Amino acid sequence: MLMIRAIVRPEKSDEVLAALMDAGFPAVTKYSVAGRGKQRGIKIGDVTYDEIPKTMLMMVVKDEDKDFVIQTVMDTARTAGKGAFGDGKIFVSAVEEVHTVSSGQKEA
């Protein structure tokens, strides 16, 4: 299993969640984050805003679903056709174990 963490623009998060739900991936954790990427924030006049609001979507998927889920997020979160700075990042990492709290069961 793999954990996919997608950092997207807040205004795109509901679209991404809907696309994932429609694609059969309803289990997502969503939370607000702030940070900056290669663009180093935004400068407006003399003020630099270096902590830009973003939304992180976190999900665990089967290995064979990785490419489909990533493509779904990228297609939905991308702005302006070809995309733009600040559209986000997707991180993928291995998940060693999953335990369900309510049942106490370890999932495979």
C-alpha atoms as a PDB file:
ATOM      1  CA  MET A   1       0.000   0.000   0.000  1.00  0.00           C
ATOM      2  CA  LEU A   2       1.061   3.578  -0.615  1.00  0.00           C
ATOM      3  CA  MET A   3       0.328   6.896   1.022  1.00  0.00           C
ATOM      4  CA  ILE A   4      -0.323   9.738  -1.379  1.00  0.00           C
ATOM      5  CA  ARG A   5      -0.111  13.273  -0.027  1.00  0.00           C
ATOM      6  CA  ALA A   6      -1.326  15.918  -2.447  1.00  0.00           C
ATOM      7  CA  ILE A   7      -0.828  19.581  -1.663  1.00  0.00           C
ATOM      8  CA  VAL A   8      -3.241  21.616  -3.785  1.00  0.00           C
ATOM      9  CA  ARG A   9      -4.693  25.098  -4.008  1.00  0.00           C
ATOM     10  CA  PRO A  10      -7.550  25.470  -1.481  1.00  0.00           C
ATOM     11  CA  GLU A  11      -9.978  26.516  -4.207  1.00  0.00           C
ATOM     12  CA  LYS A  12      -9.286  23.235  -6.048  1.00  0.00           C
ATOM     13  CA  SER A  13      -9.630  20.865  -3.093  1.00  0.00           C
ATOM     14  CA  ASP A  14     -13.391  20.286  -3.393  1.00  0.00           C
ATOM     15  CA  GLU A  15     -13.013  19.510  -7.109  1.00  0.00           C
ATOM     16  CA  VAL A  16     -10.220  17.041  -6.371  1.00  0.00           C
ATOM     17  CA  LEU A  17     -12.255  15.397  -3.583  1.00  0.00           C
ATOM     18  CA  ALA A  18     -15.265  15.050  -5.903  1.00  0.00           C
ATOM     19  CA  ALA A  19     -13.119  13.554  -8.680  1.00  0.00           C
ATOM     20  CA  LEU A  20     -11.596  11.042  -6.258  1.00  0.00           C
ATOM     21  CA  MET A  21     -15.058  10.125  -4.933  1.00  0.00           C
ATOM     22  CA  ASP A  22     -16.380   9.648  -8.478  1.00  0.00           C
ATOM     23  CA  ALA A  23     -13.350   7.484  -9.290  1.00  0.00           C
ATOM     24  CA  GLY A  24     -14.040   5.202  -6.314  1.00  0.00           C
ATOM     25  CA  PHE A  25     -11.569   6.632  -3.794  1.00  0.00           C
ATOM     26  CA  PRO A  26     -13.727   8.180  -1.048  1.00  0.00           C
ATOM     27  CA  ALA A  27     -11.266   7.755   1.845  1.00  0.00           C
ATOM     28  CA  VAL A  28      -9.309  11.004   2.088  1.00  0.00           C
ATOM     29  CA  THR A  29      -8.057  13.098   4.982  1.00  0.00           C
ATOM     30  CA  LYS A  30      -8.125  16.838   4.293  1.00  0.00           C
ATOM     31  CA  TYR A  31      -6.440  19.577   6.251  1.00  0.00           C
ATOM     32  CA  SER A  32      -5.293  23.159   5.795  1.00  0.00           C
ATOM     33  CA  VAL A  33      -1.568  23.820   5.574  1.00  0.00           C
ATOM     34  CA  ALA A  34       0.630  26.783   4.694  1.00  0.00           C
ATOM     35  CA  GLY A  35       3.989  26.926   2.997  1.00  0.00           C
ATOM     36  CA  ARG A  36       5.874  27.883  -0.106  1.00  0.00           C
ATOM     37  CA  GLY A  37       7.432  26.145  -3.061  1.00  0.00           C
ATOM     38  CA  LYS A  38       9.867  27.149  -5.752  1.00  0.00           C
ATOM     39  CA  GLN A  39       8.025  30.428  -6.248  1.00  0.00           C
ATOM     40  CA  ARG A  40       9.224  31.502  -2.756  1.00  0.00           C
ATOM     41  CA  GLY A  41       5.875  33.017  -1.902  1.00  0.00           C
ATOM     42  CA  ILE A  42       4.164  35.985  -3.474  1.00  0.00           C
ATOM     43  CA  LYS A  43       5.396  39.574  -3.492  1.00  0.00           C
ATOM     44  CA  ILE A  44       2.731  42.279  -3.650  1.00  0.00           C
ATOM     45  CA  GLY A  45       4.269  45.726  -3.605  1.00  0.00           C
ATOM     46  CA  ASP A  46       6.856  45.791  -0.835  1.00  0.00           C
ATOM     47  CA  VAL A  47       5.268  42.908   1.069  1.00  0.00           C
ATOM     48  CA  THR A  48       6.301  39.281   0.575  1.00  0.00           C
ATOM     49  CA  TYR A  49       3.862  36.585   1.638  1.00  0.00           C
ATOM     50  CA  ASP A  50       5.975  33.482   2.099  1.00  0.00           C
ATOM     51  CA  GLU A  51       3.391  31.253   3.749  1.00  0.00           C
ATOM     52  CA  ILE A  52       0.755  30.576   1.123  1.00  0.00           C
ATOM     53  CA  PRO A  53      -2.450  28.752   2.181  1.00  0.00           C
ATOM     54  CA  LYS A  54      -2.764  25.262   0.682  1.00  0.00           C
ATOM     55  CA  THR A  55      -4.809  22.143   1.323  1.00  0.00           C
ATOM     56  CA  MET A  56      -3.240  18.734   1.906  1.00  0.00           C
ATOM     57  CA  LEU A  57      -5.177  15.654   0.874  1.00  0.00           C
ATOM     58  CA  MET A  58      -3.860  12.396   2.276  1.00  0.00           C
ATOM     59  CA  MET A  59      -4.966   8.943   1.171  1.00  0.00           C
ATOM     60  CA  VAL A  60      -3.728   5.364   1.290  1.00  0.00           C
ATOM     61  CA  VAL A  61      -4.216   3.313  -1.869  1.00  0.00           C
ATOM     62  CA  LYS A  62      -3.218  -0.054  -3.263  1.00  0.00           C
ATOM     63  CA  ASP A  63       0.018  -0.050  -5.262  1.00  0.00           C
ATOM     64  CA  GLU A  64      -1.840  -0.788  -8.500  1.00  0.00           C
ATOM     65  CA  ASP A  65      -4.080   2.295  -8.042  1.00  0.00           C
ATOM     66  CA  LYS A  66      -1.190   4.757  -7.573  1.00  0.00           C
ATOM     67  CA  ASP A  67      -0.880   6.027 -11.154  1.00  0.00           C
ATOM     68  CA  PHE A  68      -4.640   6.416 -11.591  1.00  0.00           C
ATOM     69  CA  VAL A  69      -5.057   8.364  -8.327  1.00  0.00           C
ATOM     70  CA  ILE A  70      -2.069  10.607  -9.097  1.00  0.00           C
ATOM     71  CA  GLN A  71      -3.388  11.348 -12.584  1.00  0.00           C
ATOM     72  CA  THR A  72      -6.853  12.098 -11.197  1.00  0.00           C
ATOM     73  CA  VAL A  73      -5.407  14.589  -8.709  1.00  0.00           C
ATOM     74  CA  MET A  74      -3.133  16.203 -11.308  1.00  0.00           C
ATOM     75  CA  ASP A  75      -5.872  16.550 -13.916  1.00  0.00           C
ATOM     76  CA  THR A  76      -8.251  18.099 -11.383  1.00  0.00           C
ATOM     77  CA  ALA A  77      -5.846  20.310  -9.408  1.00  0.00           C
ATOM     78  CA  ARG A  78      -4.005  21.790 -12.401  1.00  0.00           C
ATOM     79  CA  THR A  79      -4.962  25.336 -13.364  1.00  0.00           C
ATOM     80  CA  ALA A  80      -4.788  27.203 -16.666  1.00  0.00           C
ATOM     81  CA  GLY A  81      -4.618  24.170 -18.941  1.00  0.00           C
ATOM     82  CA  LYS A  82      -0.876  23.547 -18.714  1.00  0.00           C
ATOM     83  CA  GLY A  83      -0.726  24.422 -15.023  1.00  0.00           C
ATOM     84  CA  ALA A  84       0.912  27.247 -13.128  1.00  0.00           C
ATOM     85  CA  PHE A  85       3.291  27.843 -10.229  1.00  0.00           C
ATOM     86  CA  GLY A  86       1.576  27.073  -6.962  1.00  0.00           C
ATOM     87  CA  ASP A  87      -0.668  24.291  -8.291  1.00  0.00           C
ATOM     88  CA  GLY A  88       0.869  21.929  -5.746  1.00  0.00           C
ATOM     89  CA  LYS A  89       2.906  18.775  -5.269  1.00  0.00           C
ATOM     90  CA  ILE A  90       2.170  15.096  -4.843  1.00  0.00           C
ATOM     91  CA  PHE A  91       4.271  12.909  -2.559  1.00  0.00           C
ATOM     92  CA  VAL A  92       4.147   9.106  -2.545  1.00  0.00           C
ATOM     93  CA  SER A  93       5.543   6.901   0.210  1.00  0.00           C
ATOM     94  CA  ALA A  94       5.272   3.276   1.254  1.00  0.00           C
ATOM     95  CA  VAL A  95       2.902   2.236   4.033  1.00  0.00           C
ATOM     96  CA  GLU A  96       4.213  -0.632   6.132  1.00  0.00           C
ATOM     97  CA  GLU A  97       1.082  -1.361   8.167  1.00  0.00           C
ATOM     98  CA  VAL A  98      -2.505  -0.231   8.556  1.00  0.00           C
ATOM     99  CA  HIS A  99      -4.540  -0.826  11.721  1.00  0.00           C
ATOM    100  CA  THR A 100      -8.242  -0.096  12.103  1.00  0.00           C
ATOM    101  CA  VAL A 101      -8.870   1.430  15.519  1.00  0.00           C
ATOM    102  CA  SER A 102     -12.536   0.437  15.856  1.00  0.00           C
ATOM    103  CA  SER A 103     -12.042  -3.260  15.071  1.00  0.00           C
ATOM    104  CA  GLY A 104      -8.439  -3.623  16.226  1.00  0.00           C
ATOM    105  CA  GLN A 105      -7.675  -5.428  12.987  1.00  0.00           C
ATOM    106  CA  LYS A 106      -4.457  -5.156  11.051  1.00  0.00           C
ATOM    107  CA  GLU A 107      -5.161  -4.727   7.348  1.00  0.00           C
ATOM    108  CA  ALA A 108      -3.113  -6.317   4.605  1.00  0.00           C
END
